[in-house]
Protein backbone atom coordinates (compact mmCIF):
# COMPACT_ATOMS: atom_id res chain seq x y z
CA UNK A 1 9.87 -34.45 -0.43
CA UNK A 2 11.54 -36.80 -2.89
CA UNK A 3 14.86 -36.65 -3.85
CA UNK A 4 13.99 -34.83 -7.33
CA UNK A 5 12.08 -32.25 -5.70
CA UNK A 6 14.77 -31.55 -3.30
CA UNK A 7 17.30 -31.08 -6.08
CA UNK A 8 15.01 -28.61 -7.92
CA UNK A 9 14.68 -26.64 -4.95
CA UNK A 10 18.36 -26.67 -4.08
CA UNK A 11 19.02 -25.66 -7.89
CA UNK A 12 16.38 -22.82 -7.58
CA UNK A 13 18.10 -21.52 -4.33
CA UNK A 14 21.53 -21.75 -6.06
CA UNK A 15 20.39 -19.83 -8.91
CA UNK A 16 18.89 -17.02 -6.54
CA UNK A 17 22.24 -16.84 -4.92
CA UNK A 18 24.31 -16.70 -8.32
CA UNK A 19 21.90 -13.94 -9.14
CA UNK A 20 22.94 -11.89 -6.41
CA UNK A 21 26.34 -12.44 -7.10
CA UNK A 22 25.98 -11.47 -10.85
CA UNK A 23 24.97 -8.06 -9.58
CA UNK A 24 28.22 -7.34 -7.81
CA UNK A 25 29.98 -8.07 -11.36
CA UNK A 26 29.32 -4.44 -12.47
CA UNK A 27 32.17 -3.52 -10.82
CA UNK A 28 35.07 -2.59 -13.29
CA UNK A 29 37.45 -4.52 -11.69
CA UNK A 30 35.68 -8.08 -12.86
CA UNK A 31 36.10 -7.04 -16.41
CA UNK A 32 32.55 -7.35 -17.28
CA UNK A 33 31.22 -3.65 -18.03
CA UNK A 34 27.93 -2.20 -16.38
CA UNK A 35 25.93 -2.16 -19.70
CA UNK A 36 22.80 -3.94 -21.06
CA UNK A 37 23.61 -7.17 -23.30
CA UNK A 38 19.74 -7.65 -23.83
CA UNK A 39 19.16 -9.86 -26.93
CA UNK A 40 17.28 -13.05 -28.06
CA UNK A 41 17.69 -15.71 -30.65
CA UNK A 42 15.15 -18.28 -32.00
CA UNK A 43 15.25 -20.85 -34.73
CA UNK A 44 12.57 -23.45 -35.66
CA UNK A 45 14.02 -26.83 -36.55
CA UNK A 46 13.27 -29.06 -39.40
CA UNK A 47 15.98 -31.38 -40.52
CA UNK A 48 17.08 -34.78 -41.31
CA UNK A 49 20.12 -36.58 -39.46
CA UNK A 50 20.98 -40.30 -40.22
CA UNK A 51 21.11 -41.18 -36.42
CA UNK A 52 17.57 -39.62 -35.57
CA UNK A 53 15.84 -39.34 -38.83
CA UNK A 54 13.63 -36.52 -39.68
CA UNK A 55 13.67 -33.96 -36.68
CA UNK A 56 11.40 -31.05 -35.67
CA UNK A 57 11.51 -28.64 -32.98
CA UNK A 58 12.83 -25.24 -31.99
CA UNK A 59 15.64 -23.60 -30.09
CA UNK A 60 15.56 -20.20 -28.33
CA UNK A 61 18.00 -18.33 -26.27
CA UNK A 62 17.49 -14.93 -24.27
CA UNK A 63 20.32 -12.92 -22.85
CA UNK A 64 20.18 -10.38 -20.26
CA UNK A 65 16.42 -10.05 -19.99
CA UNK A 66 16.60 -9.78 -16.32
CA UNK A 67 19.55 -7.24 -16.44
CA UNK A 68 21.89 -9.49 -14.30
CA UNK A 69 23.81 -10.91 -17.53
CA UNK A 70 22.43 -14.22 -17.47
CA UNK A 71 20.83 -16.20 -20.26
CA UNK A 72 17.90 -18.82 -20.77
CA UNK A 73 18.50 -21.47 -23.32
CA UNK A 74 15.70 -23.95 -24.33
CA UNK A 75 15.52 -26.66 -27.08
CA UNK A 76 12.62 -28.86 -27.82
CA UNK A 77 13.25 -31.40 -30.30
CA UNK A 78 11.43 -34.72 -31.66
CA UNK A 79 12.38 -37.30 -34.43
CA UNK A 80 10.95 -39.97 -36.59
CA UNK A 81 13.36 -42.34 -35.07
CA UNK A 82 12.07 -41.64 -31.67
CA UNK A 83 14.74 -39.09 -30.52
CA UNK A 84 12.95 -36.95 -27.62
CA UNK A 85 15.41 -34.44 -26.51
CA UNK A 86 14.41 -31.66 -24.26
CA UNK A 87 16.94 -29.39 -22.73
CA UNK A 88 16.86 -26.09 -20.43
CA UNK A 89 20.05 -23.93 -19.57
CA UNK A 90 20.33 -21.23 -17.03
CA UNK A 91 23.78 -19.44 -17.00
CA UNK A 92 24.78 -16.48 -15.02
CA UNK A 93 26.89 -14.76 -16.52
CA UNK A 94 26.19 -15.76 -20.03
CA UNK A 95 28.93 -18.01 -21.41
CA UNK A 96 29.79 -15.46 -24.02
CA UNK A 97 29.74 -12.64 -21.92
CA UNK A 98 32.31 -14.24 -19.33
CA UNK A 99 34.63 -15.01 -22.27
CA UNK A 100 37.85 -13.49 -21.74
CA UNK A 101 36.76 -12.01 -18.43
CA UNK A 102 37.93 -12.36 -14.84
CA UNK A 103 34.73 -12.82 -12.72
CA UNK A 104 34.39 -14.14 -9.04
CA UNK A 105 31.56 -16.52 -9.57
CA UNK A 106 29.62 -18.30 -12.65
CA UNK A 107 26.75 -20.51 -12.14
CA UNK A 108 25.18 -22.75 -14.76
CA UNK A 109 21.95 -24.87 -14.28
CA UNK A 110 21.11 -27.48 -17.11
CA UNK A 111 18.28 -29.94 -17.28
CA UNK A 112 18.24 -32.44 -19.86
CA UNK A 113 16.08 -35.18 -20.96
CA UNK A 114 16.95 -37.50 -23.68
CA UNK A 115 14.95 -40.67 -24.98
CA UNK A 116 16.37 -42.40 -28.00
CA UNK A 117 14.29 -45.27 -28.98
CA UNK A 118 16.70 -46.64 -31.81
CA UNK A 119 20.15 -46.24 -29.95
CA UNK A 120 22.96 -48.45 -31.61
CA UNK A 121 25.65 -50.65 -30.04
CA UNK A 122 28.11 -52.18 -32.18
CA UNK A 123 30.36 -53.86 -29.79
CA UNK A 124 33.85 -52.28 -28.43
CA UNK A 125 37.13 -51.48 -30.04
CA UNK A 126 38.19 -50.51 -33.52
CA UNK A 127 37.55 -54.05 -34.76
CA UNK A 128 33.76 -53.66 -34.19
CA UNK A 129 31.68 -54.34 -37.55
CA UNK A 130 28.95 -51.93 -38.62
CA UNK A 131 26.67 -55.20 -39.43
CA UNK A 132 26.77 -56.35 -35.84
CA UNK A 133 24.50 -52.89 -34.85
CA UNK A 134 22.22 -53.84 -32.18
CA UNK A 135 19.18 -51.63 -31.43
CA UNK A 136 17.82 -50.58 -27.96
CA UNK A 137 16.11 -47.64 -26.12
CA UNK A 138 18.30 -45.46 -24.29
CA UNK A 139 17.10 -42.90 -21.72
CA UNK A 140 18.90 -40.21 -19.53
CA UNK A 141 17.80 -37.60 -17.16
CA UNK A 142 20.36 -35.27 -16.02
CA UNK A 143 20.63 -32.08 -13.93
CA UNK A 144 23.99 -30.27 -14.15
CA UNK A 145 24.94 -27.92 -11.22
CA UNK A 146 28.05 -26.04 -12.13
CA UNK A 147 29.90 -23.16 -10.25
CA UNK A 148 33.09 -21.69 -12.01
CA UNK A 149 35.51 -18.84 -11.61
CA UNK A 150 37.39 -16.51 -13.90
CA UNK A 151 40.98 -16.29 -12.23
CA UNK A 152 42.20 -14.24 -15.26
CA UNK A 153 40.86 -13.38 -18.83
CA UNK A 154 42.48 -16.62 -19.89
CA UNK A 155 42.06 -18.87 -16.96
CA UNK A 156 39.07 -20.44 -15.31
CA UNK A 157 38.03 -23.37 -13.32
CA UNK A 158 34.61 -25.17 -12.59
CA UNK A 159 33.36 -27.76 -10.67
CA UNK A 160 29.98 -29.71 -11.56
CA UNK A 161 27.81 -31.95 -9.78
CA UNK A 162 25.60 -34.10 -12.14
CA UNK A 163 22.54 -35.91 -10.85
CA UNK A 164 21.85 -38.65 -13.64
CA UNK A 165 19.65 -41.72 -14.16
CA UNK A 166 20.34 -44.03 -17.13
CA UNK A 167 17.85 -46.83 -18.38
CA UNK A 168 18.09 -49.28 -21.48
CA UNK A 169 15.24 -51.43 -22.47
CA UNK A 170 13.27 -52.76 -25.74
CA UNK A 171 16.54 -54.31 -27.01
CA UNK A 172 15.98 -55.68 -30.69
CA UNK A 173 17.28 -58.94 -31.82
CA UNK A 174 20.79 -58.68 -32.68
CA UNK A 175 24.43 -59.82 -31.89
CA UNK A 176 24.47 -58.20 -28.58
CA UNK A 177 20.80 -58.58 -27.88
CA UNK A 178 21.45 -60.98 -24.75
CA UNK A 179 24.31 -58.66 -23.56
CA UNK A 180 22.22 -55.58 -23.66
CA UNK A 181 18.98 -57.10 -21.93
CA UNK A 182 21.06 -58.00 -18.94
CA UNK A 183 21.53 -54.13 -18.50
CA UNK A 184 19.63 -52.46 -15.67
CA UNK A 185 18.33 -48.82 -14.87
CA UNK A 186 21.43 -47.11 -13.24
CA UNK A 187 21.98 -44.34 -10.71
CA UNK A 188 24.84 -42.78 -12.12
CA UNK A 189 25.74 -39.29 -10.85
CA UNK A 190 29.15 -37.77 -11.29
CA UNK A 191 31.24 -35.00 -10.13
CA UNK A 192 33.55 -33.29 -12.84
CA UNK A 193 36.22 -31.03 -12.49
CA UNK A 194 37.57 -28.84 -15.22
CA UNK A 195 40.36 -26.20 -15.56
CA UNK A 196 40.33 -24.19 -18.85
CA UNK A 197 42.78 -21.83 -20.55
CA UNK A 198 41.18 -19.90 -23.24
CA UNK A 199 42.56 -17.17 -25.30
CA UNK A 200 39.83 -17.50 -28.09
CA UNK A 201 38.26 -14.53 -29.00
CA UNK A 202 34.54 -16.10 -28.81
CA UNK A 203 32.55 -19.12 -27.38
CA UNK A 204 29.80 -18.78 -30.48
CA UNK A 205 32.39 -18.27 -33.31
CA UNK A 206 36.01 -18.20 -32.34
CA UNK A 207 38.41 -17.03 -35.12
CA UNK A 208 41.51 -16.86 -33.26
CA UNK A 209 43.34 -18.07 -29.88
CA UNK A 210 43.85 -21.26 -28.09
CA UNK A 211 41.78 -23.52 -25.77
CA UNK A 212 43.34 -26.13 -23.64
CA UNK A 213 40.70 -27.84 -21.34
CA UNK A 214 41.64 -30.54 -18.86
CA UNK A 215 38.67 -32.46 -17.28
CA UNK A 216 38.04 -35.29 -14.61
CA UNK A 217 34.91 -37.12 -14.39
CA UNK A 218 34.61 -39.10 -11.01
CA UNK A 219 31.77 -41.39 -10.05
CA UNK A 220 31.46 -43.71 -7.14
CA UNK A 221 29.56 -44.22 -3.83
CA UNK A 222 31.38 -41.33 -2.28
CA UNK A 223 29.36 -38.97 -4.37
CA UNK A 224 25.98 -40.93 -4.16
CA UNK A 225 26.25 -43.11 -7.23
CA UNK A 226 24.80 -46.46 -6.73
CA UNK A 227 25.62 -48.09 -10.00
CA UNK A 228 28.70 -46.39 -11.09
CA UNK A 229 32.29 -46.34 -10.04
CA UNK A 230 34.88 -44.88 -12.50
CA UNK A 231 37.29 -42.00 -13.25
CA UNK A 232 37.44 -40.51 -16.82
CA UNK A 233 40.31 -37.95 -17.69
CA UNK A 234 40.13 -35.76 -20.93
CA UNK A 235 42.70 -33.52 -22.29
CA UNK A 236 41.39 -31.43 -25.21
CA UNK A 237 43.51 -28.76 -27.03
CA UNK A 238 41.95 -26.38 -29.70
CA UNK A 239 43.46 -23.86 -32.03
CA UNK A 240 41.89 -21.08 -34.19
CA UNK A 241 43.54 -18.76 -36.62
CA UNK A 242 42.65 -16.26 -39.33
CA UNK A 243 43.69 -17.29 -42.80
CA UNK A 244 43.04 -15.45 -46.27
CA UNK A 245 41.65 -12.63 -44.83
CA UNK A 246 39.25 -11.31 -41.59
CA UNK A 247 36.32 -14.06 -41.88
CA UNK A 248 38.23 -17.38 -42.90
CA UNK A 249 39.21 -19.65 -39.81
CA UNK A 250 41.34 -22.71 -39.68
CA UNK A 251 40.44 -24.79 -36.74
CA UNK A 252 42.17 -27.53 -35.30
CA UNK A 253 41.08 -30.00 -32.09
CA UNK A 254 42.83 -32.87 -30.76
CA UNK A 255 41.58 -34.81 -27.76
CA UNK A 256 42.66 -38.00 -25.75
CA UNK A 257 40.61 -39.56 -23.05
CA UNK A 258 40.72 -42.55 -20.95
CA UNK A 259 38.29 -44.16 -18.39
CA UNK A 260 38.90 -46.56 -15.76
CA UNK A 261 36.84 -48.03 -13.01
CA UNK A 262 34.91 -50.98 -11.45
CA UNK A 263 31.57 -50.13 -12.78
CA UNK A 264 31.50 -48.04 -16.02
CA UNK A 265 27.92 -47.44 -17.64
CA UNK A 266 28.22 -48.73 -21.21
CA UNK A 267 27.88 -45.17 -22.95
CA UNK A 268 30.27 -43.50 -20.72
CA UNK A 269 33.18 -45.51 -22.37
CA UNK A 270 35.12 -43.27 -24.58
CA UNK A 271 33.15 -42.88 -27.81
CA UNK A 272 33.79 -41.86 -31.43
CA UNK A 273 31.03 -41.56 -34.14
CA UNK A 274 28.24 -39.35 -34.95
CA UNK A 275 28.22 -35.54 -34.70
CA UNK A 276 28.52 -34.44 -31.29
CA UNK A 277 31.31 -32.30 -29.65
CA UNK A 278 33.53 -34.85 -27.93
CA UNK A 279 33.03 -37.82 -30.50
CA UNK A 280 32.82 -36.12 -33.79
CA UNK A 281 33.73 -38.60 -36.56
CA UNK A 282 31.02 -37.41 -39.11
CA UNK A 283 31.07 -40.26 -41.53
CA UNK A 284 30.28 -43.12 -38.66
CA UNK A 285 27.13 -43.73 -36.68
CA UNK A 286 26.70 -42.69 -33.07
CA UNK A 287 28.89 -44.51 -30.95
CA UNK A 288 30.41 -46.39 -33.55
CA UNK A 289 33.49 -47.12 -31.71
CA UNK A 290 33.64 -47.57 -28.10
CA UNK A 291 36.48 -48.57 -25.75
CA UNK A 292 38.32 -47.27 -22.47
CA UNK A 293 40.63 -44.81 -24.31
CA UNK A 294 40.27 -42.90 -27.68
CA UNK A 295 42.40 -40.05 -29.54
CA UNK A 296 40.44 -37.85 -31.70
CA UNK A 297 41.67 -34.82 -34.18
CA UNK A 298 39.17 -32.58 -35.92
CA UNK A 299 40.31 -30.31 -38.69
CA UNK A 300 38.36 -27.45 -40.05
CA UNK A 301 38.46 -24.57 -42.58
CA UNK A 302 35.49 -22.25 -42.14
CA UNK A 303 34.68 -19.66 -44.49
CA UNK A 304 31.87 -17.09 -45.14
CA UNK A 305 29.20 -17.43 -47.66
CA UNK A 306 26.41 -14.74 -47.65
CA UNK A 307 24.85 -12.74 -44.99
CA UNK A 308 24.77 -15.26 -42.06
CA UNK A 309 25.48 -18.19 -43.79
CA UNK A 310 28.98 -19.99 -43.80
CA UNK A 311 30.45 -23.15 -45.20
CA UNK A 312 33.25 -25.39 -43.89
CA UNK A 313 35.22 -28.42 -45.19
CA UNK A 314 36.68 -30.86 -42.53
CA UNK A 315 38.51 -33.97 -41.66
CA UNK A 316 38.04 -36.23 -38.72
CA UNK A 317 40.57 -38.90 -37.44
CA UNK A 318 40.04 -41.22 -34.75
CA UNK A 319 41.15 -44.26 -32.73
CA UNK A 320 39.78 -46.30 -29.63
CA UNK A 321 41.81 -48.58 -27.74
CA UNK A 322 41.41 -50.68 -24.44
CA UNK A 323 44.98 -49.39 -22.99
CA UNK A 324 48.07 -47.22 -24.54
CA UNK A 325 49.88 -50.63 -25.02
CA UNK A 326 47.16 -52.07 -27.08
CA UNK A 327 46.96 -49.14 -29.46
CA UNK A 328 47.06 -49.94 -32.95
CA UNK A 329 47.42 -46.85 -35.18
CA UNK A 330 47.10 -49.21 -38.31
CA UNK A 331 43.08 -49.36 -37.39
CA UNK A 332 42.85 -45.45 -37.14
CA UNK A 333 39.59 -44.34 -38.88
CA UNK A 334 39.28 -41.06 -41.04
CA UNK A 335 36.61 -39.22 -42.68
CA UNK A 336 36.17 -36.15 -44.69
CA UNK A 337 33.22 -33.63 -45.56
CA UNK A 338 31.67 -30.24 -45.66
CA UNK A 339 28.98 -28.40 -44.23
CA UNK A 340 26.86 -25.30 -44.00
CA UNK A 341 26.68 -22.77 -40.87
CA UNK A 342 24.10 -20.48 -39.83
CA UNK A 343 25.41 -17.86 -37.43
CA UNK A 344 22.52 -16.16 -35.23
CA UNK A 345 23.43 -13.50 -32.79
CA UNK A 346 23.32 -15.82 -29.71
CA UNK A 347 24.25 -19.22 -31.10
CA UNK A 348 25.14 -21.04 -34.36
CA UNK A 349 23.66 -24.12 -36.36
CA UNK A 350 25.29 -26.46 -38.20
CA UNK A 351 24.57 -29.18 -40.74
CA UNK A 352 27.57 -31.42 -41.80
CA UNK A 353 27.74 -34.13 -44.58
CA UNK A 354 30.29 -36.62 -43.93
CA UNK A 355 32.00 -39.28 -46.07
CA UNK A 356 34.03 -42.55 -45.24
CA UNK A 357 34.28 -46.05 -45.66
CA UNK A 358 30.91 -46.85 -44.41
CA UNK A 359 29.29 -44.39 -46.60
CA UNK A 360 27.89 -40.83 -46.07
CA UNK A 361 25.88 -39.34 -43.16
CA UNK A 362 24.16 -36.00 -42.64
CA UNK A 363 24.09 -34.35 -39.00
CA UNK A 364 22.37 -31.31 -37.92
CA UNK A 365 23.24 -29.55 -34.53
CA UNK A 366 23.96 -26.42 -32.86
CA UNK A 367 27.30 -24.85 -32.24
CA UNK A 368 30.63 -25.60 -33.58
CA UNK A 369 32.04 -29.17 -33.10
CA UNK A 370 34.67 -27.34 -31.23
């Protein structure tokens, strides 16, 4: 039996074990009441994104269909610029069900395949130039196994082991073509330890409270990584508050990250640019700024529009640096913009328009940025 088959068998056994644990969570002492949470939400995808082109696909989520407080989440997505993104997630209890609860054990299994035919590299540091963009194909295969525990309604901790391979190929001509062609396929699993203090009222649409997330990602031979050796520390603070009524939300996030090690995969460096959760600079291309450390702040005002539709305005501020001693605040990047939100029962979809010194960009994704 090869390694991947063994991994999948292990994941299935862990899921079965977690399902057994979930049955015990109907005890009122866990804070998760014994009632049905059964629901489902589905959304077809037809969109445009500057980084991926025209995209199409679908997302669906099913909650508590087995009566174990579990959820199944599936994303199937293709795009004209060549992204192939397929994600399957199983969680027990579901993230929203465990929010604000004390629980003895949670389990999340996430399988993700992402192949990006036109992935960008601009160099490292805040002095990297947009015109130096060099294109390559970037392919990742990942399997996340995560166990967590809720020690109190606000305090939880988790540990994840991530099986991962990364491949770089089909480098196009550009300033960094020779450097990128020297990259080889990497076996780069990592271990992630996380502690979260969270008083917010929802994972899907938080309106009040704070979140503080402390995270340490470790890779090296001791955990089975043949081609990676690093330690990456992230501190992420988020604040939510109601303003102008009971539906308008002011949200703020600040994040600091630093990575160091003997062998760091290129895109494991601290990244700014694009519309993803941990690198959101929405007027800049994906991975526009890369370096060992970064500072990121996102400010949003979210407001209702009509029915299940909402809007937002935002400002993003970020800086990347090789070390704290070399941080140059004068090179900090800033952008601003507005967006739309679609609130489904089990997830939110977002569209953001970002404006900055390098032009305008449009992004589509799921969930709030933070």
